[in-house]
């Protein structure tokens, strides 16, 4: 009897704990939803498809630097949830938090991260973004605490480890960042994903021979599986460091063929063509880069294009493009000086062209007079 009572008590206790847990979960969920500005009712026909559509609009707006528009559309995406919180909603929360930060609303971005972590304490991306916010506020201690948690829950997400290193390197804490690269190298796996990322990490650490070894394997698997990733790009960058320009060009081109919208690779191909003095090809690569949607390296592509046009002696077109460039990037003092130089070049070019025209006209007139004299002599 006592044993039965104890069993019943244990079951009742378990039920009570479960009810308490579920209640707490609902409270946290509600808090998260309110923090995100979501409505718990009245979603009606709104669904995941709509959420994905709004999310895409938000991502495009953020890429274009239209952060308020991005925030609005991420919120519209979250409003489709019908009160549910899935991985999709959490991911959109992170995108909204990033847009808030980029829009100067750091406290609001922090609040979203806090709410997500109250809901799921193992959500690595929330720790990562909140750590970035602390680092931006020069609170290195709290940033490192969040970065530790981000790495702890990152599993095999190499991107988080790599970003942790790069963020700390930019903050003058490269030594602390290397630790995360070393942690990532401990991840096991021989598929192309692991090989490509480990190869890139060796590249970041300056071990180019080891990077080449792992990346060559990754590229071979990519070609066999007919799947494209970034292994070819990383291998091209590694070949550059090893002063193997021929191999670098080969893999840059191979990557560019599969990723025609990668403006950074197109810029690199343009730069390599400039080094080979193939200015026509260089100009073509720069123009392709500028035609990609929202190129992050637009300024560098435009400078490259102008330089290629100068080498092709298209001074008038180069001057026109430089005139707009100096308006868009007034902080580039070197470009302003080059613009003055270009105006001089075009003035000289115009003068030479006028002199050539005058010479041609004089030659034509002399030929006409000679022909006329010849005709009069015959008569």
Protein backbone atom coordinates (compact mmCIF):
# COMPACT_ATOMS: atom_id res chain seq x y z
CA UNK A 1 0.00 0.00 0.00
CA UNK A 2 2.79 2.36 0.95
CA UNK A 3 4.53 1.53 -2.29
CA UNK A 4 1.35 2.29 -4.26
CA UNK A 5 0.94 5.57 -2.42
CA UNK A 6 4.51 6.51 -3.19
CA UNK A 7 3.94 5.65 -6.86
CA UNK A 8 0.75 7.70 -6.96
CA UNK A 9 2.51 10.58 -5.18
CA UNK A 10 5.39 10.39 -7.65
CA UNK A 11 2.99 10.38 -10.62
CA UNK A 12 1.06 13.32 -9.19
CA UNK A 13 4.33 15.12 -8.52
CA UNK A 14 5.50 14.44 -12.09
CA UNK A 15 2.20 15.68 -13.48
CA UNK A 16 2.47 18.80 -11.33
CA UNK A 17 6.03 19.45 -12.53
CA UNK A 18 4.98 18.86 -16.12
CA UNK A 19 2.03 21.26 -15.76
CA UNK A 20 4.34 23.83 -14.16
CA UNK A 21 6.87 23.38 -16.98
CA UNK A 22 4.20 23.68 -19.67
CA UNK A 23 2.75 26.77 -17.98
CA UNK A 24 6.21 28.33 -17.76
CA UNK A 25 6.81 27.45 -21.41
CA UNK A 26 3.55 29.14 -22.43
CA UNK A 27 4.41 32.24 -20.38
CA UNK A 28 7.86 32.46 -22.00
CA UNK A 29 6.32 31.86 -25.42
CA UNK A 30 3.84 34.65 -24.85
CA UNK A 31 6.62 36.94 -23.68
CA UNK A 32 8.64 36.09 -26.77
CA UNK A 33 5.68 36.71 -29.04
CA UNK A 34 4.99 40.05 -27.40
CA UNK A 35 8.65 41.02 -27.65
CA UNK A 36 8.52 40.27 -31.34
CA UNK A 37 5.32 42.29 -31.65
CA UNK A 38 3.30 39.26 -32.78
CA UNK A 39 -0.42 38.72 -32.37
CA UNK A 40 -1.58 35.48 -30.75
CA UNK A 41 -4.95 35.43 -32.50
CA UNK A 42 -6.61 36.52 -35.71
CA UNK A 43 -4.06 35.05 -38.15
CA UNK A 44 -6.77 33.36 -40.21
CA UNK A 45 -5.44 32.25 -43.60
CA UNK A 46 -1.90 33.44 -43.04
CA UNK A 47 0.60 30.57 -43.35
CA UNK A 48 4.19 29.51 -43.74
CA UNK A 49 4.26 30.35 -47.44
CA UNK A 50 3.36 33.96 -46.66
CA UNK A 51 5.97 34.05 -43.90
CA UNK A 52 8.68 32.89 -46.29
CA UNK A 53 7.61 35.47 -48.87
CA UNK A 54 7.75 38.36 -46.36
CA UNK A 55 11.05 37.04 -45.06
CA UNK A 56 12.52 37.11 -48.56
CA UNK A 57 11.37 40.71 -49.05
CA UNK A 58 12.95 41.59 -45.71
CA UNK A 59 16.25 39.96 -46.66
CA UNK A 60 16.34 41.85 -49.96
CA UNK A 61 15.58 45.12 -48.17
CA UNK A 62 18.36 44.50 -45.64
CA UNK A 63 20.83 43.72 -48.44
CA UNK A 64 19.89 47.05 -50.00
CA UNK A 65 20.45 48.88 -46.70
CA UNK A 66 16.73 49.63 -46.26
CA UNK A 67 16.60 48.53 -42.63
CA UNK A 68 13.22 49.97 -41.63
CA UNK A 69 11.64 48.21 -44.61
CA UNK A 70 13.43 45.00 -43.59
CA UNK A 71 12.15 45.26 -40.00
CA UNK A 72 8.61 45.80 -41.25
CA UNK A 73 8.68 42.75 -43.50
CA UNK A 74 10.34 40.50 -40.93
CA UNK A 75 7.55 41.50 -38.57
CA UNK A 76 4.93 40.68 -41.22
CA UNK A 77 6.63 37.29 -41.62
CA UNK A 78 6.39 36.69 -37.88
CA UNK A 79 2.74 37.71 -37.86
CA UNK A 80 1.95 34.63 -39.99
CA UNK A 81 2.87 32.23 -37.19
CA UNK A 82 -0.64 31.73 -35.71
CA UNK A 83 1.00 31.89 -32.29
CA UNK A 84 3.43 29.05 -33.06
CA UNK A 85 7.16 29.28 -32.44
CA UNK A 86 9.21 27.02 -34.67
CA UNK A 87 12.77 27.17 -35.98
CA UNK A 88 11.48 29.37 -38.81
CA UNK A 89 10.15 32.00 -36.38
CA UNK A 90 13.34 31.92 -34.32
CA UNK A 91 15.44 32.38 -37.44
CA UNK A 92 13.29 35.33 -38.56
CA UNK A 93 13.66 36.80 -35.07
CA UNK A 94 17.43 36.77 -35.52
CA UNK A 95 17.12 38.49 -38.88
CA UNK A 96 14.82 41.10 -37.38
CA UNK A 97 17.27 41.63 -34.48
CA UNK A 98 20.11 42.15 -36.95
CA UNK A 99 18.03 44.66 -38.93
CA UNK A 100 17.15 46.48 -35.69
CA UNK A 101 20.82 46.73 -34.80
CA UNK A 102 21.79 47.98 -38.25
CA UNK A 103 19.02 50.57 -37.95
CA UNK A 104 20.57 51.88 -34.72
CA UNK A 105 18.00 50.20 -32.43
CA UNK A 106 20.51 48.25 -30.35
CA UNK A 107 18.32 47.94 -27.24
CA UNK A 108 15.44 46.53 -29.28
CA UNK A 109 17.80 44.05 -30.95
CA UNK A 110 19.10 42.99 -27.53
CA UNK A 111 15.55 42.51 -26.27
CA UNK A 112 14.73 40.12 -29.11
CA UNK A 113 17.89 38.08 -28.37
CA UNK A 114 17.01 37.97 -24.67
CA UNK A 115 13.49 36.77 -25.43
CA UNK A 116 14.69 34.06 -27.82
CA UNK A 117 17.18 32.77 -25.23
CA UNK A 118 14.50 32.79 -22.53
CA UNK A 119 12.51 30.51 -24.82
CA UNK A 120 15.44 28.32 -25.95
CA UNK A 121 18.65 28.60 -23.93
CA UNK A 122 20.55 26.48 -26.48
CA UNK A 123 19.88 28.70 -29.52
CA UNK A 124 23.44 29.36 -30.71
CA UNK A 125 22.59 32.16 -33.18
CA UNK A 126 20.98 34.24 -30.42
CA UNK A 127 24.11 33.99 -28.27
CA UNK A 128 26.22 34.86 -31.30
CA UNK A 129 24.20 37.96 -32.21
CA UNK A 130 23.92 39.16 -28.61
CA UNK A 131 27.68 38.68 -28.25
CA UNK A 132 28.15 40.87 -31.33
CA UNK A 133 25.97 43.55 -29.74
CA UNK A 134 28.02 43.47 -26.53
CA UNK A 135 31.25 43.61 -28.54
CA UNK A 136 29.92 46.63 -30.43
CA UNK A 137 29.29 48.29 -27.05
CA UNK A 138 32.90 47.51 -26.02
CA UNK A 139 31.71 45.07 -23.34
CA UNK A 140 34.28 42.37 -24.15
CA UNK A 141 33.54 40.34 -20.99
CA UNK A 142 29.85 39.82 -21.78
CA UNK A 143 30.64 39.34 -25.47
CA UNK A 144 33.08 36.52 -24.67
CA UNK A 145 30.56 34.89 -22.32
CA UNK A 146 27.97 34.82 -25.12
CA UNK A 147 30.54 33.70 -27.68
CA UNK A 148 31.42 30.76 -25.40
CA UNK A 149 27.76 29.75 -25.31
CA UNK A 150 27.42 30.19 -29.07
CA UNK A 151 30.38 27.83 -29.62
CA UNK A 152 29.02 25.39 -27.04
CA UNK A 153 25.72 25.00 -28.90
CA UNK A 154 27.03 25.46 -32.45
CA UNK A 155 27.41 21.71 -33.08
CA UNK A 156 28.85 21.40 -36.61
CA UNK A 157 27.97 24.94 -37.69
CA UNK A 158 31.41 25.98 -38.93
CA UNK A 159 30.10 29.41 -39.92
CA UNK A 160 29.59 30.37 -36.28
CA UNK A 161 33.15 29.37 -35.34
CA UNK A 162 34.58 31.26 -38.32
CA UNK A 163 32.51 34.38 -37.61
CA UNK A 164 33.53 34.32 -33.94
CA UNK A 165 37.17 34.36 -35.03
CA UNK A 166 36.68 37.10 -37.61
CA UNK A 167 34.71 39.32 -35.21
CA UNK A 168 37.34 39.02 -32.50
CA UNK A 169 40.13 39.61 -35.01
CA UNK A 170 38.46 42.87 -36.12
CA UNK A 171 38.17 43.85 -32.45
CA UNK A 172 41.92 43.37 -31.94
CA UNK A 173 41.43 40.05 -30.09
CA UNK A 174 42.76 37.66 -32.72
CA UNK A 175 44.46 35.40 -30.17
CA UNK A 176 41.14 34.78 -28.41
CA UNK A 177 39.49 34.16 -31.77
CA UNK A 178 41.98 31.50 -32.89
CA UNK A 179 40.68 29.27 -30.10
CA UNK A 180 37.35 28.93 -31.95
CA UNK A 181 39.10 27.95 -35.17
CA UNK A 182 41.02 25.30 -33.24
CA UNK A 183 37.75 24.04 -31.73
CA UNK A 184 36.20 23.80 -35.19
CA UNK A 185 39.12 21.71 -36.46
CA UNK A 186 38.18 19.08 -33.88
CA UNK A 187 34.88 18.45 -35.66
CA UNK A 188 34.88 15.09 -37.42
CA UNK A 189 33.67 14.28 -40.90
CA UNK A 190 35.03 13.45 -44.34
CA UNK A 191 32.21 14.76 -46.52
CA UNK A 192 32.67 17.83 -48.72
CA UNK A 193 31.03 20.13 -46.13
CA UNK A 194 33.56 19.24 -43.44
CA UNK A 195 36.53 19.14 -45.81
CA UNK A 196 35.69 22.52 -47.37
CA UNK A 197 35.20 24.27 -44.04
CA UNK A 198 38.22 22.71 -42.36
CA UNK A 199 40.28 23.62 -45.42
CA UNK A 200 39.11 27.23 -45.16
CA UNK A 201 39.96 27.29 -41.46
CA UNK A 202 43.50 26.10 -42.25
CA UNK A 203 43.61 28.93 -44.81
CA UNK A 204 42.60 31.47 -42.16
CA UNK A 205 45.27 30.10 -39.83
CA UNK A 206 47.94 30.46 -42.54
CA UNK A 207 48.53 26.72 -43.05
CA UNK A 208 48.14 26.89 -46.84
CA UNK A 209 49.55 23.43 -47.60
CA UNK A 210 47.07 21.78 -45.23
CA UNK A 211 44.31 23.98 -46.64
CA UNK A 212 45.21 22.90 -50.17
CA UNK A 213 45.12 19.22 -49.15
CA UNK A 214 41.64 19.34 -47.62
CA UNK A 215 40.18 21.71 -50.23
CA UNK A 216 41.46 19.60 -53.13
CA UNK A 217 39.58 16.64 -51.64
CA UNK A 218 36.45 18.76 -51.19
CA UNK A 219 36.58 19.96 -54.82
CA UNK A 220 36.97 16.39 -56.06
CA UNK A 221 33.86 15.33 -54.13
CA UNK A 222 31.94 18.38 -55.39
CA UNK A 223 32.76 17.49 -58.98
CA UNK A 224 31.82 13.84 -58.43
CA UNK A 225 28.51 14.72 -56.75
CA UNK A 226 27.89 17.61 -59.16
CA UNK A 227 27.24 19.86 -56.18
CA UNK A 228 28.69 23.33 -55.87
CA UNK A 229 29.81 24.94 -52.64
CA UNK A 230 32.70 27.28 -51.78
CA UNK A 231 35.54 24.77 -51.95
CA UNK A 232 36.65 26.02 -55.40
CA UNK A 233 36.67 29.61 -54.16
CA UNK A 234 38.71 28.70 -51.06
CA UNK A 235 41.11 26.63 -53.17
CA UNK A 236 41.59 29.58 -55.55
CA UNK A 237 42.39 31.87 -52.61
CA UNK A 238 44.81 29.26 -51.22
CA UNK A 239 46.56 28.93 -54.59
CA UNK A 240 47.03 32.71 -54.62
CA UNK A 241 48.76 32.55 -51.25
CA UNK A 242 51.01 29.80 -52.62
CA UNK A 243 51.84 32.05 -55.62
CA UNK A 244 50.20 29.62 -58.02
CA UNK A 245 48.32 32.15 -60.16
CA UNK A 246 47.45 29.63 -62.88
CA UNK A 247 45.64 27.32 -60.44
CA UNK A 248 44.02 30.30 -58.73
CA UNK A 249 42.61 31.58 -62.03
CA UNK A 250 41.37 28.08 -62.93
CA UNK A 251 39.34 27.67 -59.75
CA UNK A 252 38.13 31.27 -59.63
CA UNK A 253 36.68 30.76 -63.11
CA UNK A 254 35.19 27.39 -62.19
CA UNK A 255 33.52 28.93 -59.15
CA UNK A 256 32.31 31.98 -61.08
CA UNK A 257 30.63 29.77 -63.71
CA UNK A 258 28.51 28.16 -60.98
CA UNK A 259 28.01 31.36 -58.97
CA UNK A 260 27.41 34.07 -61.55
CA UNK A 261 25.89 36.30 -58.85
CA UNK A 262 28.99 36.35 -56.62
CA UNK A 263 30.27 39.88 -57.11
CA UNK A 264 33.35 39.34 -54.93
CA UNK A 265 34.61 36.52 -57.14
CA UNK A 266 33.90 38.55 -60.27
CA UNK A 267 35.92 41.42 -58.80
CA UNK A 268 38.81 39.06 -58.06
CA UNK A 269 38.71 37.72 -61.62
CA UNK A 270 38.75 41.31 -62.89
CA UNK A 271 41.77 42.09 -60.73
CA UNK A 272 43.60 39.02 -62.01
CA UNK A 273 42.83 39.98 -65.62
CA UNK A 274 44.20 43.48 -64.90
CA UNK A 275 47.44 41.92 -63.64
CA UNK A 276 47.69 39.96 -66.91
CA UNK A 277 47.04 43.27 -68.76
CA UNK A 278 43.92 41.76 -70.34
CA UNK A 279 41.93 44.94 -69.82
CA UNK A 280 39.02 43.94 -72.04
CA UNK A 281 38.39 40.78 -69.99
CA UNK A 282 38.89 42.71 -66.75
CA UNK A 283 36.28 45.27 -67.74
CA UNK A 284 33.85 42.47 -68.63
CA UNK A 285 34.25 40.89 -65.17
CA UNK A 286 33.78 44.23 -63.37
CA UNK A 287 30.62 44.93 -65.36
CA UNK A 288 29.25 41.44 -64.60
CA UNK A 289 29.89 42.11 -60.91
CA UNK A 290 28.02 45.41 -61.08
CA UNK A 291 25.07 43.67 -62.75
CA UNK A 292 24.62 41.25 -59.83
CA UNK A 293 21.79 42.08 -57.37
CA UNK A 294 23.02 44.48 -54.66
CA UNK A 295 26.79 43.83 -54.93
CA UNK A 296 28.42 44.35 -51.53
CA UNK A 297 31.66 45.46 -53.22
CA UNK A 298 30.07 47.94 -55.64
CA UNK A 299 32.62 50.67 -54.88
CA UNK A 300 35.59 48.41 -55.68
CA UNK A 301 33.92 47.12 -58.84
CA UNK A 302 33.33 50.66 -60.06
CA UNK A 303 36.94 51.66 -59.38
CA UNK A 304 38.10 48.56 -61.25
CA UNK A 305 35.86 49.33 -64.20
CA UNK A 306 37.19 52.89 -64.44
CA UNK A 307 40.79 51.67 -64.26
CA UNK A 308 40.13 49.14 -67.05
CA UNK A 309 38.53 51.81 -69.23
CA UNK A 310 41.57 54.05 -68.76
CA UNK A 311 43.86 51.23 -69.88
CA UNK A 312 41.63 50.73 -72.92
CA UNK A 313 42.07 54.47 -73.73
CA UNK A 314 38.35 55.06 -73.30
CA UNK A 315 39.04 58.27 -71.40
CA UNK A 316 35.72 59.98 -72.10
CA UNK A 317 33.67 57.06 -70.75
CA UNK A 318 36.07 56.66 -67.82
CA UNK A 319 35.66 60.38 -67.01
CA UNK A 320 31.85 60.12 -67.08
CA UNK A 321 31.89 57.14 -64.71
CA UNK A 322 34.44 58.79 -62.44
CA UNK A 323 32.33 61.96 -62.25
CA UNK A 324 29.44 59.94 -60.83
CA UNK A 325 31.78 57.90 -58.65
CA UNK A 326 33.22 60.93 -56.82
CA UNK A 327 29.67 62.12 -56.13
CA UNK A 328 28.70 58.76 -54.65
CA UNK A 329 31.96 58.31 -52.69
CA UNK A 330 33.19 61.81 -51.76
CA UNK A 331 35.44 60.36 -49.04
CA UNK A 332 37.66 58.76 -51.68
CA UNK A 333 40.19 61.59 -52.06
CA UNK A 334 42.44 59.58 -54.36
CA UNK A 335 39.54 59.14 -56.80
CA UNK A 336 38.95 62.89 -56.76
CA UNK A 337 42.59 63.48 -57.74
CA UNK A 338 42.35 60.85 -60.47
CA UNK A 339 39.22 62.57 -61.75
CA UNK A 340 41.20 65.79 -62.27
CA UNK A 341 43.86 63.76 -64.06
CA UNK A 342 41.21 62.13 -66.25
CA UNK A 343 39.78 65.51 -67.20
CA UNK A 344 43.28 66.53 -68.30
CA UNK A 345 43.66 63.30 -70.27
CA UNK A 346 40.31 63.78 -72.01
CA UNK A 347 41.17 67.42 -72.79
CA UNK A 348 44.46 66.33 -74.37
CA UNK A 349 42.68 63.48 -76.10
CA UNK A 350 40.10 65.92 -77.49
CA UNK A 351 42.86 68.25 -78.66
CA UNK A 352 44.68 65.39 -80.40
CA UNK A 353 41.44 64.26 -82.00
CA UNK A 354 40.77 67.80 -83.25
CA UNK A 355 44.30 68.06 -84.67
CA UNK A 356 43.87 64.67 -86.38
CA UNK A 357 40.58 65.84 -87.89
CA UNK A 358 42.21 69.07 -89.11
CA UNK A 359 45.08 67.10 -90.64
CA UNK A 360 42.66 64.70 -92.34
CA UNK A 361 40.60 67.63 -93.64
CA UNK A 362 43.75 69.36 -94.98
CA UNK A 363 44.89 66.12 -96.63
CA UNK A 364 41.47 65.63 -98.23
CA UNK A 365 41.48 69.24 -99.47
CA UNK A 366 45.00 68.86 -100.91
CA UNK A 367 43.99 65.61 -102.62
CA UNK A 368 40.90 67.30 -104.08
CA UNK A 369 42.97 70.25 -105.38
CA UNK A 370 45.51 67.87 -106.91
CA UNK A 371 42.75 65.89 -108.58
CA UNK A 372 41.17 69.08 -109.90
CA UNK A 373 44.52 70.30 -111.26
CA UNK A 374 45.07 66.96 -112.94
CA UNK A 375 41.64 67.13 -114.61
CA UNK A 376 42.31 70.71 -115.86
CA UNK A 377 45.68 69.58 -117.33
CA UNK A 378 44.01 66.81 -119.26
CA UNK A 379 41.49 69.28 -120.71
